[in-house]
């Protein structure tokens, strides 16, 4: 919801908090990566996506998000 409102810092804070509480789930990491990607922070976004893939290696939307950001970085 914060991301939809354009509150990038608030969204990152929520995803970071969620990740601390659910460290072995990919959802918060993907969301965090999505925010970083919107901010143009390609390397940081890719790092979050790669970390998320450790916990959800078959998540198609996560792989698509990673691939889209990787293409922007080239």
PDB file of N, CA and C in Angstrom:
ATOM      1  N   UNK A   1       0.819  -1.180   0.000  1.00  0.00           N
ATOM      2  CA  UNK A   1       0.000   0.000   0.000  1.00  0.00           C
ATOM      3  C   UNK A   1       0.872   1.257   0.000  1.00  0.00           C
ATOM      4  N   UNK A   2       1.927   1.260   0.791  1.00  0.00           N
ATOM      5  CA  UNK A   2       2.817   2.418   0.818  1.00  0.00           C
ATOM      6  C   UNK A   2       3.488   2.613  -0.542  1.00  0.00           C
ATOM      7  N   UNK A   3       3.857   1.526  -1.161  1.00  0.00           N
ATOM      8  CA  UNK A   3       4.485   1.602  -2.476  1.00  0.00           C
ATOM      9  C   UNK A   3       3.524   2.211  -3.488  1.00  0.00           C
ATOM     10  N   UNK A   4       2.277   1.810  -3.436  1.00  0.00           N
ATOM     11  CA  UNK A   4       1.272   2.350  -4.356  1.00  0.00           C
ATOM     12  C   UNK A   4       1.071   3.850  -4.149  1.00  0.00           C
ATOM     13  N   UNK A   5       1.270   4.303  -2.925  1.00  0.00           N
ATOM     14  CA  UNK A   5       1.125   5.728  -2.610  1.00  0.00           C
ATOM     15  C   UNK A   5       2.400   6.517  -2.916  1.00  0.00           C
ATOM     16  N   UNK A   6       3.448   5.817  -3.292  1.00  0.00           N
ATOM     17  CA  UNK A   6       4.701   6.480  -3.622  1.00  0.00           C
ATOM     18  C   UNK A   6       5.621   6.681  -2.429  1.00  0.00           C
ATOM     19  N   UNK A   7       5.289   6.086  -1.295  1.00  0.00           N
ATOM     20  CA  UNK A   7       6.122   6.207  -0.090  1.00  0.00           C
ATOM     21  C   UNK A   7       7.172   5.098  -0.115  1.00  0.00           C
ATOM     22  N   UNK A   8       8.226   5.342  -0.881  1.00  0.00           N
ATOM     23  CA  UNK A   8       9.268   4.328  -1.061  1.00  0.00           C
ATOM     24  C   UNK A   8       9.988   4.009   0.252  1.00  0.00           C
ATOM     25  N   UNK A   9      10.335   5.033   1.009  1.00  0.00           N
ATOM     26  CA  UNK A   9      11.050   4.808   2.270  1.00  0.00           C
ATOM     27  C   UNK A   9      10.192   4.023   3.261  1.00  0.00           C
ATOM     28  N   UNK A  10       8.920   4.365   3.330  1.00  0.00           N
ATOM     29  CA  UNK A  10       8.011   3.638   4.205  1.00  0.00           C
ATOM     30  C   UNK A  10       7.843   2.193   3.779  1.00  0.00           C
ATOM     31  N   UNK A  11       7.760   1.973   2.475  1.00  0.00           N
ATOM     32  CA  UNK A  11       7.626   0.613   1.953  1.00  0.00           C
ATOM     33  C   UNK A  11       8.868  -0.209   2.280  1.00  0.00           C
ATOM     34  N   UNK A  12      10.031   0.372   2.083  1.00  0.00           N
ATOM     35  CA  UNK A  12      11.273  -0.346   2.393  1.00  0.00           C
ATOM     36  C   UNK A  12      11.330  -0.679   3.881  1.00  0.00           C
ATOM     37  N   UNK A  13      10.946   0.268   4.730  1.00  0.00           N
ATOM     38  CA  UNK A  13      10.955   0.020   6.176  1.00  0.00           C
ATOM     39  C   UNK A  13      10.035  -1.144   6.528  1.00  0.00           C
ATOM     40  N   UNK A  14       8.867  -1.196   5.899  1.00  0.00           N
ATOM     41  CA  UNK A  14       7.937  -2.300   6.166  1.00  0.00           C
ATOM     42  C   UNK A  14       8.489  -3.624   5.668  1.00  0.00           C
ATOM     43  N   UNK A  15       9.075  -3.645   4.477  1.00  0.00           N
ATOM     44  CA  UNK A  15       9.636  -4.888   3.947  1.00  0.00           C
ATOM     45  C   UNK A  15      10.830  -5.346   4.786  1.00  0.00           C
ATOM     46  N   UNK A  16      11.641  -4.407   5.230  1.00  0.00           N
ATOM     47  CA  UNK A  16      12.789  -4.750   6.075  1.00  0.00           C
ATOM     48  C   UNK A  16      12.311  -5.357   7.395  1.00  0.00           C
ATOM     49  N   UNK A  17      11.309  -4.758   7.993  1.00  0.00           N
ATOM     50  CA  UNK A  17      10.742  -5.275   9.239  1.00  0.00           C
ATOM     51  C   UNK A  17      10.150  -6.662   9.031  1.00  0.00           C
ATOM     52  N   UNK A  18       9.412  -6.835   7.943  1.00  0.00           N
ATOM     53  CA  UNK A  18       8.816  -8.137   7.647  1.00  0.00           C
ATOM     54  C   UNK A  18       9.895  -9.192   7.431  1.00  0.00           C
ATOM     55  N   UNK A  19      10.977  -8.817   6.769  1.00  0.00           N
ATOM     56  CA  UNK A  19      12.061  -9.771   6.526  1.00  0.00           C
ATOM     57  C   UNK A  19      12.711 -10.201   7.843  1.00  0.00           C
ATOM     58  N   UNK A  20      12.858  -9.275   8.769  1.00  0.00           N
ATOM     59  CA  UNK A  20      13.444  -9.625  10.072  1.00  0.00           C
ATOM     60  C   UNK A  20      12.564 -10.624  10.813  1.00  0.00           C
ATOM     61  N   UNK A  21      11.256 -10.500  10.644  1.00  0.00           N
ATOM     62  CA  UNK A  21      10.323 -11.393  11.334  1.00  0.00           C
ATOM     63  C   UNK A  21      10.169 -12.730  10.618  1.00  0.00           C
ATOM     64  N   UNK A  22      10.371 -12.743   9.309  1.00  0.00           N
ATOM     65  CA  UNK A  22      10.181 -13.954   8.507  1.00  0.00           C
ATOM     66  C   UNK A  22      11.403 -14.159   7.620  1.00  0.00           C
ATOM     67  N   UNK A  23      12.526 -14.337   8.239  1.00  0.00           N
ATOM     68  CA  UNK A  23      13.808 -14.343   7.527  1.00  0.00           C
ATOM     69  C   UNK A  23      13.931 -15.406   6.440  1.00  0.00           C
ATOM     70  N   UNK A  24      13.172 -16.466   6.523  1.00  0.00           N
ATOM     71  CA  UNK A  24      13.326 -17.541   5.550  1.00  0.00           C
ATOM     72  C   UNK A  24      12.177 -17.603   4.545  1.00  0.00           C
ATOM     73  N   UNK A  25      11.553 -16.455   4.303  1.00  0.00           N
ATOM     74  CA  UNK A  25      10.495 -16.355   3.310  1.00  0.00           C
ATOM     75  C   UNK A  25      10.896 -15.298   2.288  1.00  0.00           C
ATOM     76  N   UNK A  26      10.503 -15.502   1.064  1.00  0.00           N
ATOM     77  CA  UNK A  26      10.946 -14.641  -0.030  1.00  0.00           C
ATOM     78  C   UNK A  26      10.077 -13.406  -0.242  1.00  0.00           C
ATOM     79  N   UNK A  27       8.877 -13.394   0.267  1.00  0.00           N
ATOM     80  CA  UNK A  27       7.920 -12.333  -0.045  1.00  0.00           C
ATOM     81  C   UNK A  27       8.446 -10.925   0.264  1.00  0.00           C
ATOM     82  N   UNK A  28       8.935 -10.734   1.467  1.00  0.00           N
ATOM     83  CA  UNK A  28       9.420  -9.413   1.856  1.00  0.00           C
ATOM     84  C   UNK A  28      10.634  -9.006   1.022  1.00  0.00           C
ATOM     85  N   UNK A  29      11.494  -9.962   0.735  1.00  0.00           N
ATOM     86  CA  UNK A  29      12.679  -9.666  -0.066  1.00  0.00           C
ATOM     87  C   UNK A  29      12.305  -9.253  -1.487  1.00  0.00           C
ATOM     88  N   UNK A  30      11.301  -9.930  -2.057  1.00  0.00           N
ATOM     89  CA  UNK A  30      10.862  -9.547  -3.400  1.00  0.00           C
ATOM     90  C   UNK A  30      10.266  -8.145  -3.388  1.00  0.00           C
ATOM     91  N   UNK A  31       9.421  -7.875  -2.422  1.00  0.00           N
ATOM     92  CA  UNK A  31       8.831  -6.540  -2.319  1.00  0.00           C
ATOM     93  C   UNK A  31       9.884  -5.467  -2.147  1.00  0.00           C
ATOM     94  N   UNK A  32      10.868  -5.744  -1.325  1.00  0.00           N
ATOM     95  CA  UNK A  32      11.981  -4.827  -1.084  1.00  0.00           C
ATOM     96  C   UNK A  32      12.731  -4.603  -2.391  1.00  0.00           C
ATOM     97  N   UNK A  33      12.971  -5.672  -3.121  1.00  0.00           N
ATOM     98  CA  UNK A  33      13.638  -5.565  -4.419  1.00  0.00           C
ATOM     99  C   UNK A  33      12.826  -4.754  -5.413  1.00  0.00           C
ATOM    100  N   UNK A  34      11.508  -4.936  -5.381  1.00  0.00           N
ATOM    101  CA  UNK A  34      10.629  -4.166  -6.267  1.00  0.00           C
ATOM    102  C   UNK A  34      10.751  -2.662  -6.006  1.00  0.00           C
ATOM    103  N   UNK A  35      10.785  -2.297  -4.736  1.00  0.00           N
ATOM    104  CA  UNK A  35      10.918  -0.874  -4.382  1.00  0.00           C
ATOM    105  C   UNK A  35      12.264  -0.341  -4.854  1.00  0.00           C
ATOM    106  N   UNK A  36      13.320  -1.093  -4.596  1.00  0.00           N
ATOM    107  CA  UNK A  36      14.658  -0.663  -5.014  1.00  0.00           C
ATOM    108  C   UNK A  36      14.727  -0.513  -6.534  1.00  0.00           C
ATOM    109  N   UNK A  37      14.072  -1.415  -7.237  1.00  0.00           N
ATOM    110  CA  UNK A  37      14.046  -1.332  -8.706  1.00  0.00           C
ATOM    111  C   UNK A  37      13.350  -0.055  -9.155  1.00  0.00           C
ATOM    112  N   UNK A  38      12.235   0.279  -8.516  1.00  0.00           N
ATOM    113  CA  UNK A  38      11.524   1.518  -8.863  1.00  0.00           C
ATOM    114  C   UNK A  38      12.365   2.753  -8.586  1.00  0.00           C
ATOM    115  N   UNK A  39      13.240   2.648  -7.610  1.00  0.00           N
ATOM    116  CA  UNK A  39      14.127   3.764  -7.283  1.00  0.00           C
ATOM    117  C   UNK A  39      15.332   3.825  -8.209  1.00  0.00           C
ATOM    118  N   UNK A  40      15.465   2.842  -9.091  1.00  0.00           N
ATOM    119  CA  UNK A  40      16.599   2.813 -10.006  1.00  0.00           C
ATOM    120  C   UNK A  40      17.858   2.226  -9.401  1.00  0.00           C
ATOM    121  N   UNK A  41      17.732   1.566  -8.270  1.00  0.00           N
ATOM    122  CA  UNK A  41      18.872   0.959  -7.582  1.00  0.00           C
ATOM    123  C   UNK A  41      18.993  -0.502  -8.023  1.00  0.00           C
ATOM    124  N   UNK A  42      19.474  -0.658  -9.251  1.00  0.00           N
ATOM    125  CA  UNK A  42      19.499  -1.961  -9.912  1.00  0.00           C
ATOM    126  C   UNK A  42      20.300  -2.998  -9.140  1.00  0.00           C
ATOM    127  N   UNK A  43      21.509  -2.664  -8.733  1.00  0.00           N
ATOM    128  CA  UNK A  43      22.359  -3.638  -8.040  1.00  0.00           C
ATOM    129  C   UNK A  43      21.736  -4.086  -6.730  1.00  0.00           C
ATOM    130  N   UNK A  44      21.203  -3.146  -5.980  1.00  0.00           N
ATOM    131  CA  UNK A  44      20.577  -3.482  -4.699  1.00  0.00           C
ATOM    132  C   UNK A  44      19.326  -4.331  -4.921  1.00  0.00           C
ATOM    133  N   UNK A  45      18.542  -3.998  -5.939  1.00  0.00           N
ATOM    134  CA  UNK A  45      17.338  -4.768  -6.254  1.00  0.00           C
ATOM    135  C   UNK A  45      17.711  -6.200  -6.633  1.00  0.00           C
ATOM    136  N   UNK A  46      18.704  -6.350  -7.471  1.00  0.00           N
ATOM    137  CA  UNK A  46      19.139  -7.692  -7.874  1.00  0.00           C
ATOM    138  C   UNK A  46      19.626  -8.497  -6.680  1.00  0.00           C
ATOM    139  N   UNK A  47      20.299  -7.849  -5.757  1.00  0.00           N
ATOM    140  CA  UNK A  47      20.774  -8.544  -4.558  1.00  0.00           C
ATOM    141  C   UNK A  47      19.598  -9.083  -3.747  1.00  0.00           C
ATOM    142  N   UNK A  48      18.548  -8.280  -3.603  1.00  0.00           N
ATOM    143  CA  UNK A  48      17.356  -8.739  -2.861  1.00  0.00           C
ATOM    144  C   UNK A  48      16.662  -9.875  -3.606  1.00  0.00           C
ATOM    145  N   UNK A  49      16.544  -9.750  -4.929  1.00  0.00           N
ATOM    146  CA  UNK A  49      15.917 -10.815  -5.708  1.00  0.00           C
ATOM    147  C   UNK A  49      16.716 -12.114  -5.602  1.00  0.00           C
ATOM    148  N   UNK A  50      18.030 -12.033  -5.685  1.00  0.00           N
ATOM    149  CA  UNK A  50      18.865 -13.231  -5.583  1.00  0.00           C
ATOM    150  C   UNK A  50      18.742 -13.864  -4.200  1.00  0.00           C
ATOM    151  N   UNK A  51      18.682 -13.030  -3.173  1.00  0.00           N
ATOM    152  CA  UNK A  51      18.501 -13.552  -1.817  1.00  0.00           C
ATOM    153  C   UNK A  51      17.141 -14.252  -1.700  1.00  0.00           C
ATOM    154  N   UNK A  52      16.098 -13.643  -2.272  1.00  0.00           N
ATOM    155  CA  UNK A  52      14.760 -14.225  -2.235  1.00  0.00           C
ATOM    156  C   UNK A  52      14.721 -15.563  -2.960  1.00  0.00           C
ATOM    157  N   UNK A  53      15.471 -15.688  -4.038  1.00  0.00           N
ATOM    158  CA  UNK A  53      15.482 -16.931  -4.807  1.00  0.00           C
ATOM    159  C   UNK A  53      16.045 -18.113  -4.012  1.00  0.00           C
ATOM    160  N   UNK A  54      16.821 -17.831  -2.973  1.00  0.00           N
ATOM    161  CA  UNK A  54      17.310 -18.904  -2.105  1.00  0.00           C
ATOM    162  C   UNK A  54      16.143 -19.607  -1.410  1.00  0.00           C
ATOM    163  N   UNK A  55      15.096 -18.845  -1.107  1.00  0.00           N
ATOM    164  CA  UNK A  55      13.957 -19.369  -0.365  1.00  0.00           C
ATOM    165  C   UNK A  55      12.800 -19.782  -1.267  1.00  0.00           C
ATOM    166  N   UNK A  56      12.756 -19.256  -2.481  1.00  0.00           N
ATOM    167  CA  UNK A  56      11.675 -19.577  -3.423  1.00  0.00           C
ATOM    168  C   UNK A  56      12.245 -19.702  -4.833  1.00  0.00           C
ATOM    169  N   UNK A  57      13.032 -20.742  -5.062  1.00  0.00           N
ATOM    170  CA  UNK A  57      13.725 -20.859  -6.356  1.00  0.00           C
ATOM    171  C   UNK A  57      12.811 -21.067  -7.562  1.00  0.00           C
ATOM    172  N   UNK A  58      11.570 -21.442  -7.338  1.00  0.00           N
ATOM    173  CA  UNK A  58      10.658 -21.701  -8.457  1.00  0.00           C
ATOM    174  C   UNK A  58       9.591 -20.623  -8.627  1.00  0.00           C
ATOM    175  N   UNK A  59       9.715 -19.520  -7.922  1.00  0.00           N
ATOM    176  CA  UNK A  59       8.713 -18.454  -7.977  1.00  0.00           C
ATOM    177  C   UNK A  59       8.868 -17.693  -9.293  1.00  0.00           C
ATOM    178  N   UNK A  60       7.921 -17.908 -10.190  1.00  0.00           N
ATOM    179  CA  UNK A  60       8.004 -17.353 -11.541  1.00  0.00           C
ATOM    180  C   UNK A  60       8.018 -15.826 -11.543  1.00  0.00           C
ATOM    181  N   UNK A  61       7.153 -15.188 -10.765  1.00  0.00           N
ATOM    182  CA  UNK A  61       7.090 -13.715 -10.734  1.00  0.00           C
ATOM    183  C   UNK A  61       8.391 -13.116 -10.211  1.00  0.00           C
ATOM    184  N   UNK A  62       9.014 -13.797  -9.276  1.00  0.00           N
ATOM    185  CA  UNK A  62      10.294 -13.337  -8.733  1.00  0.00           C
ATOM    186  C   UNK A  62      11.375 -13.408  -9.811  1.00  0.00           C
ATOM    187  N   UNK A  63      11.403 -14.497 -10.545  1.00  0.00           N
ATOM    188  CA  UNK A  63      12.385 -14.637 -11.624  1.00  0.00           C
ATOM    189  C   UNK A  63      12.154 -13.591 -12.712  1.00  0.00           C
ATOM    190  N   UNK A  64      10.882 -13.323 -13.020  1.00  0.00           N
ATOM    191  CA  UNK A  64      10.569 -12.312 -14.034  1.00  0.00           C
ATOM    192  C   UNK A  64      11.003 -10.928 -13.572  1.00  0.00           C
ATOM    193  N   UNK A  65      10.780 -10.616 -12.301  1.00  0.00           N
ATOM    194  CA  UNK A  65      11.196  -9.320 -11.766  1.00  0.00           C
ATOM    195  C   UNK A  65      12.712  -9.189 -11.820  1.00  0.00           C
ATOM    196  N   UNK A  66      13.406 -10.259 -11.428  1.00  0.00           N
ATOM    197  CA  UNK A  66      14.873 -10.252 -11.481  1.00  0.00           C
ATOM    198  C   UNK A  66      15.370 -10.048 -12.907  1.00  0.00           C
ATOM    199  N   UNK A  67      14.780 -10.766 -13.834  1.00  0.00           N
ATOM    200  CA  UNK A  67      15.211 -10.675 -15.230  1.00  0.00           C
ATOM    201  C   UNK A  67      14.949  -9.286 -15.814  1.00  0.00           C
ATOM    202  N   UNK A  68      13.816  -8.702 -15.468  1.00  0.00           N
ATOM    203  CA  UNK A  68      13.475  -7.357 -15.965  1.00  0.00           C
ATOM    204  C   UNK A  68      14.473  -6.335 -15.449  1.00  0.00           C
ATOM    205  N   UNK A  69      14.838  -6.439 -14.181  1.00  0.00           N
ATOM    206  CA  UNK A  69      15.793  -5.488 -13.613  1.00  0.00           C
ATOM    207  C   UNK A  69      17.182  -5.733 -14.185  1.00  0.00           C
ATOM    208  N   UNK A  70      17.535  -6.993 -14.387  1.00  0.00           N
ATOM    209  CA  UNK A  70      18.850  -7.301 -14.973  1.00  0.00           C
ATOM    210  C   UNK A  70      18.983  -6.699 -16.370  1.00  0.00           C
ATOM    211  N   UNK A  71      17.897  -6.727 -17.147  1.00  0.00           N
ATOM    212  CA  UNK A  71      17.929  -6.147 -18.492  1.00  0.00           C
ATOM    213  C   UNK A  71      18.090  -4.626 -18.436  1.00  0.00           C
ATOM    214  N   UNK A  72      17.529  -3.987 -17.442  1.00  0.00           N
ATOM    215  CA  UNK A  72      17.668  -2.538 -17.291  1.00  0.00           C
ATOM    216  C   UNK A  72      19.105  -2.161 -16.961  1.00  0.00           C
ATOM    217  N   UNK A  73      19.783  -3.033 -16.234  1.00  0.00           N
ATOM    218  CA  UNK A  73      21.145  -2.739 -15.809  1.00  0.00           C
ATOM    219  C   UNK A  73      22.165  -2.900 -16.910  1.00  0.00           C
ATOM    220  N   UNK A  74      21.783  -3.464 -18.036  1.00  0.00           N
ATOM    221  CA  UNK A  74      22.760  -3.686 -19.112  1.00  0.00           C
ATOM    222  C   UNK A  74      22.693  -2.597 -20.159  1.00  0.00           C
TER     223      UNK A  74
END
